[in-house]
Amino acid sequence: MITIDVVTKSKKWQGKEKLVERLTKKLIPLVKIKAQEFSISLVSDAQMKKINFQFRGKNKPTNVLSFPAFDPLFLGDIVIAYETLEREAEEQKKKFNDHLIHLILHSILHLLGHDHEDEKMAQKMEKLEIKILRQLGIENPYNEKA
């Protein structure tokens, strides 16, 4: 059994911890995780901007960041920004929960070693995301919506 540590660091996320944990647990049987634990930090855009600058040199918020661990029992850390997630879901006409679970999945895949540094890698990762999300009844997140 894998342990998911959900940490709320922003008032915007208060009351959504159980939702994040529930959505994440839906993903666990669909991805091959050998680790026993990982964490998800729920932050504001302001907090994400600082983290993104500190670790990537980008002075702006992003939707999600993944930090792999170098311990076989601990997969790593995922950080999700509320306002960016909410704005993207609205702009892309996606349900909040569907976009949230997609970002969690995307991050878990990064922690497992998947990446999108080039077109071939990106297509492989997107194909896997689409396949897993389809199993959860979530439509292709990469389809453009009018």
N, C-alpha and C. Protein backbone atom coordinates (compact mmCIF):
# COMPACT_ATOMS: atom_id res chain seq x y z
N MET A 1 0.84 -1.18 0.00
CA MET A 1 0.00 0.00 0.00
C MET A 1 0.88 1.25 0.00
N ILE A 2 0.58 2.15 -0.88
CA ILE A 2 1.36 3.38 -0.98
C ILE A 2 0.74 4.48 -0.12
N THR A 3 1.59 5.26 0.51
CA THR A 3 1.15 6.38 1.33
C THR A 3 1.26 7.66 0.52
N ILE A 4 0.20 8.44 0.51
CA ILE A 4 0.18 9.73 -0.18
C ILE A 4 0.05 10.81 0.88
N ASP A 5 1.10 11.61 1.03
CA ASP A 5 1.08 12.71 1.99
C ASP A 5 0.60 13.97 1.28
N VAL A 6 -0.60 14.43 1.61
CA VAL A 6 -1.15 15.64 1.00
C VAL A 6 -1.00 16.78 2.01
N VAL A 7 -0.28 17.82 1.60
CA VAL A 7 0.01 18.96 2.47
C VAL A 7 -0.58 20.22 1.86
N THR A 8 -1.43 20.91 2.61
CA THR A 8 -2.05 22.14 2.14
C THR A 8 -1.24 23.33 2.63
N LYS A 9 -0.78 24.15 1.68
CA LYS A 9 0.01 25.33 2.03
C LYS A 9 -0.66 26.61 1.56
N SER A 10 -1.93 26.50 1.16
CA SER A 10 -2.68 27.67 0.70
C SER A 10 -4.14 27.53 1.12
N LYS A 11 -4.73 28.64 1.54
CA LYS A 11 -6.14 28.63 1.96
C LYS A 11 -7.06 28.21 0.82
N LYS A 12 -6.66 28.50 -0.41
CA LYS A 12 -7.49 28.14 -1.57
C LYS A 12 -7.75 26.64 -1.63
N TRP A 13 -6.81 25.85 -1.14
CA TRP A 13 -6.92 24.39 -1.19
C TRP A 13 -7.64 23.80 0.02
N GLN A 14 -7.89 24.60 1.06
CA GLN A 14 -8.49 24.04 2.27
C GLN A 14 -9.80 23.35 1.95
N GLY A 15 -9.94 22.15 2.49
CA GLY A 15 -11.13 21.34 2.25
C GLY A 15 -11.03 20.46 1.02
N LYS A 16 -9.94 20.60 0.26
CA LYS A 16 -9.79 19.80 -0.96
C LYS A 16 -8.75 18.68 -0.80
N GLU A 17 -8.19 18.54 0.38
CA GLU A 17 -7.16 17.53 0.61
C GLU A 17 -7.69 16.12 0.34
N LYS A 18 -8.88 15.83 0.85
CA LYS A 18 -9.47 14.49 0.66
C LYS A 18 -9.77 14.23 -0.81
N LEU A 19 -10.19 15.27 -1.53
CA LEU A 19 -10.44 15.15 -2.97
C LEU A 19 -9.14 14.78 -3.68
N VAL A 20 -8.06 15.48 -3.37
CA VAL A 20 -6.77 15.20 -4.00
C VAL A 20 -6.34 13.77 -3.69
N GLU A 21 -6.49 13.36 -2.45
CA GLU A 21 -6.11 12.00 -2.06
C GLU A 21 -6.97 10.97 -2.78
N ARG A 22 -8.27 11.22 -2.85
CA ARG A 22 -9.19 10.28 -3.51
C ARG A 22 -8.87 10.15 -5.00
N LEU A 23 -8.65 11.26 -5.67
CA LEU A 23 -8.32 11.23 -7.10
C LEU A 23 -6.99 10.53 -7.34
N THR A 24 -6.03 10.80 -6.48
CA THR A 24 -4.71 10.17 -6.61
C THR A 24 -4.80 8.66 -6.42
N LYS A 25 -5.59 8.23 -5.46
CA LYS A 25 -5.74 6.78 -5.22
C LYS A 25 -6.37 6.07 -6.41
N LYS A 26 -7.16 6.77 -7.21
CA LYS A 26 -7.72 6.17 -8.42
C LYS A 26 -6.61 5.86 -9.43
N LEU A 27 -5.55 6.66 -9.41
CA LEU A 27 -4.46 6.48 -10.37
C LEU A 27 -3.51 5.34 -9.99
N ILE A 28 -3.34 5.11 -8.70
CA ILE A 28 -2.33 4.17 -8.21
C ILE A 28 -2.37 2.81 -8.90
N PRO A 29 -3.54 2.16 -9.03
CA PRO A 29 -3.54 0.84 -9.67
C PRO A 29 -3.25 0.89 -11.18
N LEU A 30 -3.32 2.08 -11.77
CA LEU A 30 -3.15 2.21 -13.21
C LEU A 30 -1.72 2.56 -13.63
N VAL A 31 -0.88 2.91 -12.67
CA VAL A 31 0.54 3.18 -12.95
C VAL A 31 1.38 2.24 -12.09
N LYS A 32 2.55 1.94 -12.58
CA LYS A 32 3.41 0.98 -11.88
C LYS A 32 4.36 1.73 -10.94
N ILE A 33 3.94 1.84 -9.69
CA ILE A 33 4.74 2.53 -8.68
C ILE A 33 5.30 1.49 -7.72
N LYS A 34 6.62 1.45 -7.62
CA LYS A 34 7.27 0.52 -6.70
C LYS A 34 7.54 1.17 -5.34
N ALA A 35 7.57 2.49 -5.32
CA ALA A 35 7.82 3.22 -4.08
C ALA A 35 6.65 3.03 -3.12
N GLN A 36 6.87 3.37 -1.88
CA GLN A 36 5.84 3.21 -0.86
C GLN A 36 5.20 4.53 -0.44
N GLU A 37 5.77 5.65 -0.93
CA GLU A 37 5.26 6.94 -0.47
C GLU A 37 5.62 8.04 -1.46
N PHE A 38 4.76 9.06 -1.54
CA PHE A 38 5.09 10.31 -2.22
C PHE A 38 4.24 11.40 -1.62
N SER A 39 4.60 12.65 -1.91
CA SER A 39 3.86 13.76 -1.32
C SER A 39 3.30 14.67 -2.41
N ILE A 40 2.20 15.33 -2.06
CA ILE A 40 1.59 16.34 -2.92
C ILE A 40 1.40 17.59 -2.07
N SER A 41 2.05 18.67 -2.48
CA SER A 41 1.90 19.96 -1.80
C SER A 41 0.96 20.83 -2.61
N LEU A 42 -0.05 21.36 -1.95
CA LEU A 42 -1.07 22.18 -2.58
C LEU A 42 -0.78 23.64 -2.23
N VAL A 43 -0.38 24.41 -3.25
CA VAL A 43 0.10 25.77 -3.01
C VAL A 43 -0.68 26.81 -3.81
N SER A 44 -0.41 28.06 -3.52
CA SER A 44 -0.97 29.19 -4.27
C SER A 44 -0.05 29.50 -5.45
N ASP A 45 -0.51 30.33 -6.35
CA ASP A 45 0.34 30.77 -7.46
C ASP A 45 1.56 31.54 -6.94
N ALA A 46 1.37 32.36 -5.92
CA ALA A 46 2.49 33.13 -5.36
C ALA A 46 3.57 32.19 -4.82
N GLN A 47 3.15 31.14 -4.13
CA GLN A 47 4.11 30.16 -3.61
C GLN A 47 4.77 29.41 -4.75
N MET A 48 3.98 29.03 -5.77
CA MET A 48 4.53 28.30 -6.91
C MET A 48 5.54 29.16 -7.67
N LYS A 49 5.27 30.44 -7.80
CA LYS A 49 6.19 31.34 -8.49
C LYS A 49 7.56 31.30 -7.82
N LYS A 50 7.59 31.34 -6.50
CA LYS A 50 8.86 31.28 -5.75
C LYS A 50 9.57 29.95 -5.98
N ILE A 51 8.82 28.86 -5.92
CA ILE A 51 9.40 27.52 -6.11
C ILE A 51 9.93 27.38 -7.54
N ASN A 52 9.16 27.84 -8.51
CA ASN A 52 9.55 27.75 -9.91
C ASN A 52 10.82 28.56 -10.17
N PHE A 53 10.93 29.73 -9.53
CA PHE A 53 12.13 30.54 -9.68
C PHE A 53 13.33 29.87 -9.00
N GLN A 54 13.10 29.36 -7.81
CA GLN A 54 14.19 28.74 -7.05
C GLN A 54 14.77 27.53 -7.78
N PHE A 55 13.92 26.69 -8.35
CA PHE A 55 14.40 25.44 -8.93
C PHE A 55 14.56 25.45 -10.45
N ARG A 56 13.88 26.38 -11.13
CA ARG A 56 13.94 26.38 -12.59
C ARG A 56 14.36 27.72 -13.18
N GLY A 57 14.52 28.74 -12.32
CA GLY A 57 14.92 30.05 -12.79
C GLY A 57 13.84 30.78 -13.57
N LYS A 58 12.59 30.33 -13.43
CA LYS A 58 11.47 30.96 -14.13
C LYS A 58 10.65 31.74 -13.12
N ASN A 59 10.54 33.05 -13.34
CA ASN A 59 9.89 33.94 -12.37
C ASN A 59 8.40 34.08 -12.66
N LYS A 60 7.72 32.94 -12.70
CA LYS A 60 6.27 32.91 -12.91
C LYS A 60 5.74 31.59 -12.37
N PRO A 61 4.45 31.57 -12.03
CA PRO A 61 3.89 30.30 -11.55
C PRO A 61 3.71 29.33 -12.71
N THR A 62 3.62 28.07 -12.39
CA THR A 62 3.31 27.03 -13.35
C THR A 62 2.25 26.15 -12.70
N ASN A 63 1.63 25.27 -13.47
CA ASN A 63 0.54 24.48 -12.90
C ASN A 63 1.03 23.42 -11.92
N VAL A 64 2.12 22.74 -12.28
CA VAL A 64 2.58 21.63 -11.45
C VAL A 64 4.09 21.45 -11.63
N LEU A 65 4.74 21.04 -10.56
CA LEU A 65 6.16 20.68 -10.60
C LEU A 65 6.33 19.33 -9.92
N SER A 66 7.31 18.58 -10.40
CA SER A 66 7.61 17.27 -9.83
C SER A 66 9.08 17.24 -9.42
N PHE A 67 9.33 16.68 -8.26
CA PHE A 67 10.69 16.57 -7.75
C PHE A 67 10.95 15.11 -7.38
N PRO A 68 11.64 14.37 -8.25
CA PRO A 68 11.89 12.96 -7.96
C PRO A 68 12.82 12.79 -6.76
N ALA A 69 12.62 11.71 -6.05
CA ALA A 69 13.47 11.37 -4.91
C ALA A 69 14.51 10.36 -5.38
N PHE A 70 15.55 10.26 -4.64
CA PHE A 70 16.59 9.29 -4.97
C PHE A 70 16.60 8.18 -3.93
N ASP A 71 15.42 7.88 -3.44
CA ASP A 71 15.20 6.83 -2.45
C ASP A 71 14.17 5.89 -3.05
N PRO A 72 14.48 4.61 -3.20
CA PRO A 72 13.54 3.69 -3.85
C PRO A 72 12.19 3.57 -3.14
N LEU A 73 12.12 3.92 -1.86
CA LEU A 73 10.87 3.82 -1.12
C LEU A 73 10.03 5.09 -1.22
N PHE A 74 10.67 6.22 -1.55
CA PHE A 74 9.96 7.50 -1.66
C PHE A 74 10.03 7.97 -3.11
N LEU A 75 8.88 8.06 -3.76
CA LEU A 75 8.83 8.41 -5.18
C LEU A 75 9.27 9.85 -5.43
N GLY A 76 8.79 10.77 -4.60
CA GLY A 76 9.15 12.17 -4.78
C GLY A 76 8.04 13.10 -4.34
N ASP A 77 8.17 14.35 -4.76
CA ASP A 77 7.22 15.39 -4.37
C ASP A 77 6.55 15.99 -5.60
N ILE A 78 5.27 16.28 -5.45
CA ILE A 78 4.49 16.96 -6.48
C ILE A 78 3.98 18.25 -5.85
N VAL A 79 4.05 19.35 -6.60
CA VAL A 79 3.56 20.64 -6.12
C VAL A 79 2.56 21.15 -7.16
N ILE A 80 1.34 21.51 -6.70
CA ILE A 80 0.28 21.96 -7.61
C ILE A 80 -0.21 23.34 -7.18
N ALA A 81 -0.31 24.25 -8.15
CA ALA A 81 -0.76 25.63 -7.89
C ALA A 81 -2.25 25.76 -8.18
N TYR A 82 -2.99 26.22 -7.19
CA TYR A 82 -4.45 26.28 -7.30
C TYR A 82 -4.95 27.22 -8.40
N GLU A 83 -4.52 28.47 -8.35
CA GLU A 83 -5.07 29.45 -9.30
C GLU A 83 -4.77 29.08 -10.75
N THR A 84 -3.56 28.59 -11.01
CA THR A 84 -3.21 28.19 -12.37
C THR A 84 -4.05 27.00 -12.81
N LEU A 85 -4.20 26.03 -11.92
CA LEU A 85 -5.05 24.87 -12.22
C LEU A 85 -6.47 25.31 -12.54
N GLU A 86 -7.02 26.16 -11.70
CA GLU A 86 -8.39 26.63 -11.88
C GLU A 86 -8.55 27.41 -13.19
N ARG A 87 -7.60 28.31 -13.46
CA ARG A 87 -7.64 29.12 -14.68
C ARG A 87 -7.52 28.26 -15.93
N GLU A 88 -6.59 27.31 -15.93
CA GLU A 88 -6.42 26.43 -17.08
C GLU A 88 -7.66 25.59 -17.33
N ALA A 89 -8.24 25.06 -16.28
CA ALA A 89 -9.46 24.25 -16.43
C ALA A 89 -10.56 25.09 -17.08
N GLU A 90 -10.71 26.31 -16.61
CA GLU A 90 -11.74 27.20 -17.17
C GLU A 90 -11.44 27.55 -18.63
N GLU A 91 -10.20 27.94 -18.91
CA GLU A 91 -9.81 28.33 -20.28
C GLU A 91 -9.95 27.17 -21.26
N GLN A 92 -9.62 25.96 -20.79
CA GLN A 92 -9.64 24.78 -21.65
C GLN A 92 -10.99 24.05 -21.58
N LYS A 93 -11.94 24.64 -20.87
CA LYS A 93 -13.28 24.08 -20.73
C LYS A 93 -13.25 22.63 -20.22
N LYS A 94 -12.45 22.45 -19.18
CA LYS A 94 -12.33 21.14 -18.54
C LYS A 94 -12.93 21.23 -17.14
N LYS A 95 -13.38 20.10 -16.64
CA LYS A 95 -13.82 20.04 -15.26
C LYS A 95 -12.58 20.17 -14.37
N PHE A 96 -12.74 20.89 -13.26
CA PHE A 96 -11.64 21.09 -12.32
C PHE A 96 -11.02 19.75 -11.92
N ASN A 97 -11.86 18.79 -11.50
CA ASN A 97 -11.35 17.50 -11.04
C ASN A 97 -10.63 16.74 -12.14
N ASP A 98 -11.13 16.82 -13.38
CA ASP A 98 -10.48 16.13 -14.50
C ASP A 98 -9.10 16.73 -14.76
N HIS A 99 -9.01 18.04 -14.72
CA HIS A 99 -7.71 18.68 -14.96
C HIS A 99 -6.76 18.37 -13.80
N LEU A 100 -7.28 18.38 -12.58
CA LEU A 100 -6.47 18.05 -11.41
C LEU A 100 -5.90 16.65 -11.51
N ILE A 101 -6.73 15.67 -11.82
CA ILE A 101 -6.24 14.29 -11.89
C ILE A 101 -5.24 14.14 -13.05
N HIS A 102 -5.45 14.88 -14.13
CA HIS A 102 -4.49 14.83 -15.24
C HIS A 102 -3.14 15.38 -14.79
N LEU A 103 -3.12 16.49 -14.06
CA LEU A 103 -1.85 17.04 -13.60
C LEU A 103 -1.16 16.12 -12.59
N ILE A 104 -1.94 15.47 -11.75
CA ILE A 104 -1.35 14.51 -10.80
C ILE A 104 -0.74 13.35 -11.58
N LEU A 105 -1.48 12.82 -12.54
CA LEU A 105 -0.96 11.73 -13.37
C LEU A 105 0.31 12.17 -14.10
N HIS A 106 0.27 13.33 -14.73
CA HIS A 106 1.42 13.86 -15.46
C HIS A 106 2.65 13.91 -14.55
N SER A 107 2.45 14.37 -13.33
CA SER A 107 3.54 14.47 -12.36
C SER A 107 4.06 13.11 -11.93
N ILE A 108 3.15 12.19 -11.67
CA ILE A 108 3.56 10.84 -11.28
C ILE A 108 4.40 10.22 -12.39
N LEU A 109 3.99 10.40 -13.63
CA LEU A 109 4.76 9.86 -14.76
C LEU A 109 6.15 10.49 -14.81
N HIS A 110 6.25 11.79 -14.53
CA HIS A 110 7.58 12.42 -14.45
C HIS A 110 8.41 11.76 -13.36
N LEU A 111 7.79 11.54 -12.20
CA LEU A 111 8.52 10.92 -11.08
C LEU A 111 8.96 9.50 -11.41
N LEU A 112 8.24 8.86 -12.32
CA LEU A 112 8.59 7.50 -12.75
C LEU A 112 9.60 7.50 -13.90
N GLY A 113 10.02 8.69 -14.33
CA GLY A 113 11.05 8.77 -15.36
C GLY A 113 10.59 9.18 -16.74
N HIS A 114 9.31 9.37 -16.93
CA HIS A 114 8.81 9.82 -18.24
C HIS A 114 9.11 11.31 -18.40
N ASP A 115 9.25 11.74 -19.65
CA ASP A 115 9.52 13.15 -19.89
C ASP A 115 8.99 13.57 -21.25
N HIS A 116 9.09 14.86 -21.54
CA HIS A 116 8.63 15.38 -22.82
C HIS A 116 9.64 16.39 -23.35
N GLU A 117 10.92 16.01 -23.26
CA GLU A 117 12.00 16.89 -23.70
C GLU A 117 12.04 17.04 -25.22
N ASP A 118 11.61 16.02 -25.94
CA ASP A 118 11.54 16.11 -27.40
C ASP A 118 10.19 15.58 -27.86
N GLU A 119 9.89 15.75 -29.14
CA GLU A 119 8.58 15.40 -29.68
C GLU A 119 8.24 13.92 -29.49
N LYS A 120 9.21 13.05 -29.71
CA LYS A 120 8.97 11.61 -29.59
C LYS A 120 8.63 11.24 -28.14
N MET A 121 9.39 11.78 -27.21
CA MET A 121 9.14 11.51 -25.79
C MET A 121 7.78 12.08 -25.37
N ALA A 122 7.47 13.28 -25.86
CA ALA A 122 6.20 13.93 -25.53
C ALA A 122 5.02 13.11 -26.02
N GLN A 123 5.11 12.61 -27.25
CA GLN A 123 4.02 11.80 -27.81
C GLN A 123 3.82 10.52 -27.01
N LYS A 124 4.92 9.90 -26.61
CA LYS A 124 4.84 8.66 -25.83
C LYS A 124 4.18 8.93 -24.47
N MET A 125 4.58 10.02 -23.83
CA MET A 125 4.02 10.36 -22.52
C MET A 125 2.54 10.73 -22.64
N GLU A 126 2.21 11.54 -23.63
CA GLU A 126 0.81 11.94 -23.84
C GLU A 126 -0.07 10.73 -24.13
N LYS A 127 0.42 9.81 -24.94
CA LYS A 127 -0.34 8.60 -25.28
C LYS A 127 -0.64 7.79 -24.01
N LEU A 128 0.34 7.67 -23.13
CA LEU A 128 0.15 6.95 -21.87
C LEU A 128 -0.86 7.68 -20.98
N GLU A 129 -0.75 9.00 -20.90
CA GLU A 129 -1.70 9.79 -20.11
C GLU A 129 -3.12 9.59 -20.62
N ILE A 130 -3.30 9.68 -21.93
CA ILE A 130 -4.62 9.53 -22.55
C ILE A 130 -5.20 8.15 -22.24
N LYS A 131 -4.36 7.13 -22.34
CA LYS A 131 -4.80 5.75 -22.08
C LYS A 131 -5.26 5.59 -20.63
N ILE A 132 -4.49 6.08 -19.69
CA ILE A 132 -4.82 5.95 -18.27
C ILE A 132 -6.06 6.76 -17.92
N LEU A 133 -6.13 7.99 -18.42
CA LEU A 133 -7.30 8.83 -18.13
C LEU A 133 -8.57 8.24 -18.73
N ARG A 134 -8.46 7.64 -19.90
CA ARG A 134 -9.62 6.99 -20.53
C ARG A 134 -10.17 5.89 -19.62
N GLN A 135 -9.29 5.17 -18.94
CA GLN A 135 -9.72 4.12 -18.02
C GLN A 135 -10.52 4.69 -16.85
N LEU A 136 -10.35 5.97 -16.60
CA LEU A 136 -11.08 6.65 -15.52
C LEU A 136 -12.29 7.41 -16.04
N GLY A 137 -12.54 7.27 -17.34
CA GLY A 137 -13.68 7.95 -17.94
C GLY A 137 -13.44 9.42 -18.23
N ILE A 138 -12.18 9.81 -18.34
CA ILE A 138 -11.82 11.20 -18.62
C ILE A 138 -11.34 11.30 -20.06
N GLU A 139 -11.91 12.27 -20.78
CA GLU A 139 -11.56 12.40 -22.19
C GLU A 139 -10.15 12.93 -22.38
N ASN A 140 -9.64 12.76 -23.59
CA ASN A 140 -8.30 13.18 -23.97
C ASN A 140 -8.07 14.64 -23.58
N PRO A 141 -7.14 14.90 -22.67
CA PRO A 141 -6.91 16.28 -22.22
C PRO A 141 -6.21 17.14 -23.25
N TYR A 142 -5.70 16.52 -24.30
CA TYR A 142 -4.96 17.26 -25.32
C TYR A 142 -5.84 17.66 -26.50
N ASN A 143 -7.11 17.24 -26.50
CA ASN A 143 -8.04 17.68 -27.54
C ASN A 143 -8.36 19.15 -27.31
N GLU A 144 -8.32 19.90 -28.38
CA GLU A 144 -8.69 21.33 -28.30
C GLU A 144 -10.20 21.44 -28.20
N LYS A 145 -10.67 22.32 -27.33
CA LYS A 145 -12.11 22.57 -27.20
C LYS A 145 -12.41 23.98 -27.68
N ALA A 146 -13.48 24.08 -28.42
CA ALA A 146 -13.85 25.41 -28.96
C ALA A 146 -14.60 26.22 -27.94
